[in-house]
N, C-alpha and C. Protein backbone atom coordinates (compact mmCIF):
# COMPACT_ATOMS: atom_id res chain seq x y z
N UNK A 1 0.83 -1.17 0.00
CA UNK A 1 0.00 0.00 0.00
C UNK A 1 0.88 1.24 0.00
N UNK A 2 0.36 2.27 -0.66
CA UNK A 2 0.99 3.59 -0.63
C UNK A 2 -0.02 4.52 0.02
N UNK A 3 0.16 4.81 1.30
CA UNK A 3 -0.82 5.57 2.08
C UNK A 3 -0.16 6.77 2.73
N UNK A 4 -0.86 7.93 2.71
CA UNK A 4 -0.45 9.09 3.50
C UNK A 4 -1.23 9.00 4.81
N UNK A 5 -0.52 8.83 5.92
CA UNK A 5 -1.15 8.58 7.22
C UNK A 5 -1.67 9.87 7.85
N UNK A 6 -2.60 9.75 8.81
CA UNK A 6 -3.10 10.94 9.50
C UNK A 6 -1.96 11.77 10.09
N UNK A 7 -2.14 13.06 10.12
CA UNK A 7 -1.17 14.05 10.62
C UNK A 7 -0.04 14.34 9.65
N UNK A 8 0.02 13.65 8.53
CA UNK A 8 1.04 13.90 7.51
C UNK A 8 0.46 14.83 6.45
N UNK A 9 1.29 15.30 5.55
CA UNK A 9 0.82 16.09 4.41
C UNK A 9 1.51 15.56 3.16
N UNK A 10 0.88 15.83 2.02
CA UNK A 10 1.48 15.43 0.76
C UNK A 10 0.64 14.41 0.03
N UNK A 11 1.12 14.01 -1.12
CA UNK A 11 0.41 13.08 -1.98
C UNK A 11 0.92 11.66 -1.78
N UNK A 12 0.03 10.71 -1.97
CA UNK A 12 0.41 9.30 -1.96
C UNK A 12 1.16 9.02 -3.25
N UNK A 13 2.06 8.08 -3.25
CA UNK A 13 2.86 7.78 -4.43
C UNK A 13 2.15 6.86 -5.42
N UNK A 14 2.77 6.67 -6.56
CA UNK A 14 2.27 5.73 -7.56
C UNK A 14 2.77 4.33 -7.20
N UNK A 15 1.86 3.38 -7.17
CA UNK A 15 2.20 2.01 -6.82
C UNK A 15 2.07 1.17 -8.09
N UNK A 16 3.16 0.47 -8.45
CA UNK A 16 3.18 -0.38 -9.65
C UNK A 16 3.47 -1.81 -9.21
N UNK A 17 2.61 -2.74 -9.63
CA UNK A 17 2.77 -4.15 -9.28
C UNK A 17 2.82 -4.96 -10.57
N UNK A 18 3.90 -5.72 -10.77
CA UNK A 18 4.06 -6.59 -11.93
C UNK A 18 4.31 -8.01 -11.46
N UNK A 19 3.59 -8.96 -12.04
CA UNK A 19 3.77 -10.37 -11.68
C UNK A 19 3.15 -11.24 -12.77
N UNK A 20 3.43 -12.53 -12.73
CA UNK A 20 2.75 -13.45 -13.64
C UNK A 20 1.30 -13.64 -13.20
N UNK A 21 1.11 -13.78 -11.88
CA UNK A 21 -0.22 -14.05 -11.33
C UNK A 21 -0.37 -13.32 -10.00
N UNK A 22 -1.50 -12.67 -9.80
CA UNK A 22 -1.77 -11.97 -8.54
C UNK A 22 -3.10 -12.47 -8.01
N UNK A 23 -3.12 -12.95 -6.77
CA UNK A 23 -4.34 -13.46 -6.15
C UNK A 23 -4.49 -12.77 -4.78
N UNK A 24 -5.62 -12.09 -4.58
CA UNK A 24 -5.95 -11.48 -3.30
C UNK A 24 -7.13 -12.24 -2.71
N UNK A 25 -6.99 -12.70 -1.46
CA UNK A 25 -8.06 -13.44 -0.79
C UNK A 25 -8.18 -12.98 0.65
N UNK A 26 -9.34 -13.27 1.25
CA UNK A 26 -9.60 -13.03 2.67
C UNK A 26 -9.32 -11.60 3.11
N UNK A 27 -9.70 -10.62 2.27
CA UNK A 27 -9.54 -9.21 2.64
C UNK A 27 -8.20 -8.60 2.30
N UNK A 28 -7.35 -9.31 1.57
CA UNK A 28 -6.06 -8.75 1.15
C UNK A 28 -6.32 -7.57 0.21
N UNK A 29 -5.48 -6.54 0.30
CA UNK A 29 -5.68 -5.34 -0.49
C UNK A 29 -4.36 -4.82 -1.05
N UNK A 30 -4.44 -4.26 -2.25
CA UNK A 30 -3.32 -3.52 -2.85
C UNK A 30 -3.90 -2.19 -3.27
N UNK A 31 -3.31 -1.09 -2.78
CA UNK A 31 -3.88 0.19 -3.14
C UNK A 31 -3.08 1.38 -2.68
N UNK A 32 -3.64 2.54 -3.01
CA UNK A 32 -3.06 3.84 -2.65
C UNK A 32 -4.16 4.73 -2.10
N UNK A 33 -3.82 5.54 -1.10
CA UNK A 33 -4.84 6.41 -0.53
C UNK A 33 -4.24 7.47 0.36
N UNK A 34 -5.13 8.33 0.85
CA UNK A 34 -4.71 9.40 1.75
C UNK A 34 -5.75 9.62 2.84
N UNK A 35 -5.27 9.89 4.04
CA UNK A 35 -6.10 10.29 5.17
C UNK A 35 -5.96 11.80 5.42
N UNK A 36 -5.15 12.50 4.64
CA UNK A 36 -4.76 13.89 4.90
C UNK A 36 -4.96 14.75 3.66
N UNK A 37 -4.73 16.06 3.79
CA UNK A 37 -4.75 16.89 2.58
C UNK A 37 -3.69 16.39 1.60
N UNK A 38 -4.11 16.13 0.41
CA UNK A 38 -3.22 15.59 -0.62
C UNK A 38 -3.98 14.60 -1.48
N UNK A 39 -3.42 14.27 -2.61
CA UNK A 39 -4.09 13.39 -3.55
C UNK A 39 -3.73 11.93 -3.30
N UNK A 40 -4.69 11.07 -3.59
CA UNK A 40 -4.42 9.64 -3.57
C UNK A 40 -3.49 9.31 -4.72
N UNK A 41 -2.65 8.34 -4.55
CA UNK A 41 -1.75 7.94 -5.63
C UNK A 41 -2.45 7.11 -6.68
N UNK A 42 -1.72 6.80 -7.73
CA UNK A 42 -2.22 5.93 -8.79
C UNK A 42 -1.82 4.50 -8.50
N UNK A 43 -2.59 3.56 -9.06
CA UNK A 43 -2.28 2.14 -8.94
C UNK A 43 -2.25 1.54 -10.34
N UNK A 44 -1.14 0.88 -10.67
CA UNK A 44 -1.01 0.17 -11.94
C UNK A 44 -0.65 -1.28 -11.62
N UNK A 45 -1.45 -2.21 -12.15
CA UNK A 45 -1.25 -3.63 -11.89
C UNK A 45 -1.16 -4.35 -13.23
N UNK A 46 -0.11 -5.18 -13.39
CA UNK A 46 0.07 -5.94 -14.61
C UNK A 46 0.38 -7.39 -14.27
N UNK A 47 -0.43 -8.30 -14.81
CA UNK A 47 -0.22 -9.74 -14.62
C UNK A 47 -1.06 -10.48 -15.66
N UNK A 48 -0.62 -11.67 -16.02
CA UNK A 48 -1.40 -12.48 -16.95
C UNK A 48 -2.75 -12.85 -16.33
N UNK A 49 -2.74 -13.20 -15.04
CA UNK A 49 -3.97 -13.53 -14.32
C UNK A 49 -4.07 -12.70 -13.05
N UNK A 50 -5.25 -12.12 -12.82
CA UNK A 50 -5.50 -11.33 -11.60
C UNK A 50 -6.82 -11.80 -11.01
N UNK A 51 -6.81 -12.06 -9.69
CA UNK A 51 -8.03 -12.48 -9.00
C UNK A 51 -8.14 -11.74 -7.67
N UNK A 52 -9.34 -11.27 -7.37
CA UNK A 52 -9.67 -10.74 -6.04
C UNK A 52 -10.96 -11.44 -5.62
N UNK A 53 -10.89 -12.17 -4.50
CA UNK A 53 -12.07 -12.92 -4.07
C UNK A 53 -12.21 -12.91 -2.56
N UNK A 54 -13.46 -12.85 -2.13
CA UNK A 54 -13.77 -12.95 -0.71
C UNK A 54 -13.55 -11.67 0.07
N UNK A 55 -13.76 -11.79 1.37
CA UNK A 55 -13.60 -10.68 2.31
C UNK A 55 -12.81 -11.16 3.51
N UNK A 56 -12.47 -10.20 4.38
CA UNK A 56 -11.81 -10.55 5.65
C UNK A 56 -12.75 -11.45 6.46
N UNK A 57 -12.22 -12.14 7.45
CA UNK A 57 -13.02 -13.07 8.25
C UNK A 57 -14.23 -12.39 8.89
N UNK A 58 -14.10 -11.11 9.28
CA UNK A 58 -15.24 -10.40 9.87
C UNK A 58 -16.18 -9.81 8.81
N UNK A 59 -15.83 -9.96 7.53
CA UNK A 59 -16.68 -9.49 6.44
C UNK A 59 -16.59 -8.00 6.15
N UNK A 60 -15.72 -7.27 6.84
CA UNK A 60 -15.65 -5.82 6.69
C UNK A 60 -14.78 -5.35 5.53
N UNK A 61 -13.72 -6.08 5.23
CA UNK A 61 -12.80 -5.65 4.18
C UNK A 61 -12.88 -6.58 2.97
N UNK A 62 -13.21 -6.03 1.81
CA UNK A 62 -13.20 -6.87 0.61
C UNK A 62 -11.77 -7.06 0.12
N UNK A 63 -11.50 -8.17 -0.50
CA UNK A 63 -10.24 -8.32 -1.22
C UNK A 63 -10.32 -7.34 -2.38
N UNK A 64 -9.34 -6.42 -2.51
CA UNK A 64 -9.54 -5.36 -3.49
C UNK A 64 -8.25 -4.69 -3.94
N UNK A 65 -8.37 -4.09 -5.12
CA UNK A 65 -7.39 -3.15 -5.65
C UNK A 65 -8.08 -1.80 -5.54
N UNK A 66 -7.43 -0.79 -4.94
CA UNK A 66 -8.14 0.46 -4.67
C UNK A 66 -7.26 1.70 -4.76
N UNK A 67 -7.93 2.83 -4.98
CA UNK A 67 -7.38 4.17 -4.70
C UNK A 67 -8.47 4.90 -3.93
N UNK A 68 -8.11 5.59 -2.86
CA UNK A 68 -9.12 6.19 -1.98
C UNK A 68 -8.67 7.52 -1.40
N UNK A 69 -9.63 8.43 -1.27
CA UNK A 69 -9.50 9.63 -0.44
C UNK A 69 -10.36 9.32 0.77
N UNK A 70 -9.73 9.08 1.91
CA UNK A 70 -10.40 8.53 3.07
C UNK A 70 -10.93 9.60 4.01
N UNK A 71 -11.66 9.19 5.04
CA UNK A 71 -12.32 10.10 5.97
C UNK A 71 -11.40 11.21 6.45
N UNK A 72 -11.88 12.43 6.35
CA UNK A 72 -11.14 13.59 6.82
C UNK A 72 -10.12 14.14 5.83
N UNK A 73 -9.93 13.48 4.72
CA UNK A 73 -8.93 13.92 3.74
C UNK A 73 -9.57 14.85 2.71
N UNK A 74 -8.72 15.59 2.02
CA UNK A 74 -9.13 16.42 0.90
C UNK A 74 -8.14 16.18 -0.22
N UNK A 75 -8.67 15.90 -1.38
CA UNK A 75 -7.80 15.67 -2.53
C UNK A 75 -8.52 14.89 -3.60
N UNK A 76 -7.79 14.56 -4.63
CA UNK A 76 -8.36 13.83 -5.74
C UNK A 76 -7.99 12.35 -5.64
N UNK A 77 -8.91 11.52 -6.09
CA UNK A 77 -8.65 10.08 -6.13
C UNK A 77 -7.67 9.76 -7.24
N UNK A 78 -6.99 8.66 -7.11
CA UNK A 78 -6.02 8.24 -8.11
C UNK A 78 -6.62 7.32 -9.16
N UNK A 79 -5.93 7.19 -10.25
CA UNK A 79 -6.34 6.34 -11.35
C UNK A 79 -5.91 4.90 -11.08
N UNK A 80 -6.77 3.94 -11.47
CA UNK A 80 -6.42 2.53 -11.41
C UNK A 80 -6.27 2.03 -12.84
N UNK A 81 -5.13 1.41 -13.14
CA UNK A 81 -4.89 0.83 -14.46
C UNK A 81 -4.58 -0.65 -14.28
N UNK A 82 -5.34 -1.50 -14.96
CA UNK A 82 -5.16 -2.94 -14.88
C UNK A 82 -4.82 -3.47 -16.27
N UNK A 83 -3.71 -4.18 -16.38
CA UNK A 83 -3.31 -4.85 -17.63
C UNK A 83 -3.33 -6.35 -17.35
N UNK A 84 -4.25 -7.09 -17.99
CA UNK A 84 -4.33 -8.52 -17.77
C UNK A 84 -5.05 -9.21 -18.90
N UNK A 85 -4.83 -10.52 -19.03
CA UNK A 85 -5.58 -11.34 -19.97
C UNK A 85 -6.79 -11.96 -19.29
N UNK A 86 -6.74 -12.07 -17.96
CA UNK A 86 -7.82 -12.74 -17.23
C UNK A 86 -8.02 -12.06 -15.88
N UNK A 87 -9.16 -11.38 -15.72
CA UNK A 87 -9.50 -10.71 -14.46
C UNK A 87 -10.71 -11.40 -13.85
N UNK A 88 -10.56 -11.86 -12.59
CA UNK A 88 -11.65 -12.50 -11.87
C UNK A 88 -11.93 -11.73 -10.60
N UNK A 89 -13.17 -11.25 -10.45
CA UNK A 89 -13.65 -10.62 -9.22
C UNK A 89 -14.84 -11.44 -8.76
N UNK A 90 -14.74 -12.05 -7.58
CA UNK A 90 -15.84 -12.90 -7.13
C UNK A 90 -15.97 -12.89 -5.61
N UNK A 91 -17.14 -13.28 -5.15
CA UNK A 91 -17.41 -13.41 -3.71
C UNK A 91 -17.03 -12.16 -2.93
N UNK A 92 -17.31 -10.98 -3.50
CA UNK A 92 -17.04 -9.72 -2.82
C UNK A 92 -15.75 -9.04 -3.23
N UNK A 93 -14.92 -9.67 -4.06
CA UNK A 93 -13.68 -9.05 -4.54
C UNK A 93 -14.01 -7.81 -5.38
N UNK A 94 -13.16 -6.76 -5.30
CA UNK A 94 -13.49 -5.48 -5.94
C UNK A 94 -12.29 -4.78 -6.56
N UNK A 95 -12.60 -3.91 -7.52
CA UNK A 95 -11.73 -2.83 -7.99
C UNK A 95 -12.48 -1.58 -7.57
N UNK A 96 -11.86 -0.68 -6.82
CA UNK A 96 -12.62 0.48 -6.38
C UNK A 96 -11.77 1.74 -6.25
N UNK A 97 -12.40 2.83 -6.65
CA UNK A 97 -11.84 4.15 -6.44
C UNK A 97 -12.92 4.91 -5.69
N UNK A 98 -12.60 5.38 -4.48
CA UNK A 98 -13.67 5.93 -3.66
C UNK A 98 -13.26 7.21 -2.93
N UNK A 99 -14.28 7.97 -2.60
CA UNK A 99 -14.14 9.20 -1.83
C UNK A 99 -14.97 9.03 -0.57
N UNK A 100 -14.32 9.00 0.59
CA UNK A 100 -15.01 8.86 1.87
C UNK A 100 -14.71 10.12 2.69
N UNK A 101 -15.44 11.18 2.45
CA UNK A 101 -15.15 12.46 3.11
C UNK A 101 -16.20 12.75 4.16
N UNK A 102 -15.82 13.48 5.20
CA UNK A 102 -16.75 13.89 6.25
C UNK A 102 -17.44 15.21 5.90
N UNK A 103 -16.80 15.99 5.09
CA UNK A 103 -17.34 17.29 4.71
C UNK A 103 -18.06 17.18 3.38
N UNK A 104 -18.90 18.19 3.07
CA UNK A 104 -19.53 18.22 1.76
C UNK A 104 -18.46 18.45 0.70
N UNK A 105 -18.61 17.73 -0.38
CA UNK A 105 -17.62 17.80 -1.46
C UNK A 105 -18.35 18.08 -2.77
N UNK A 106 -17.84 19.01 -3.56
CA UNK A 106 -18.39 19.25 -4.87
C UNK A 106 -17.75 18.29 -5.85
N UNK A 107 -18.58 17.66 -6.66
CA UNK A 107 -18.07 16.71 -7.64
C UNK A 107 -18.49 17.12 -9.04
């Protein structure tokens, strides 16, 4: 993960993942985000096969590839780029770019 933690400032970095096969299960996540003023980073994933399936044991976290502007942060969400021949999202697995702000936001 490339995350800007609370009390920090600045932008999250670009995260690049290259592999033959990538499998996320049981709430595993690869992503970029920010909890602070600053932009979420970009995520680029390249693999012949990519799978995200299931959630964490408590059901709260999906297995996912993400970019996020999280609670209390201000900034722009990052771009997600996926290069693959076979993408499987099942049983709650996700690709997501989200804005979770506490204040009103113009979109």
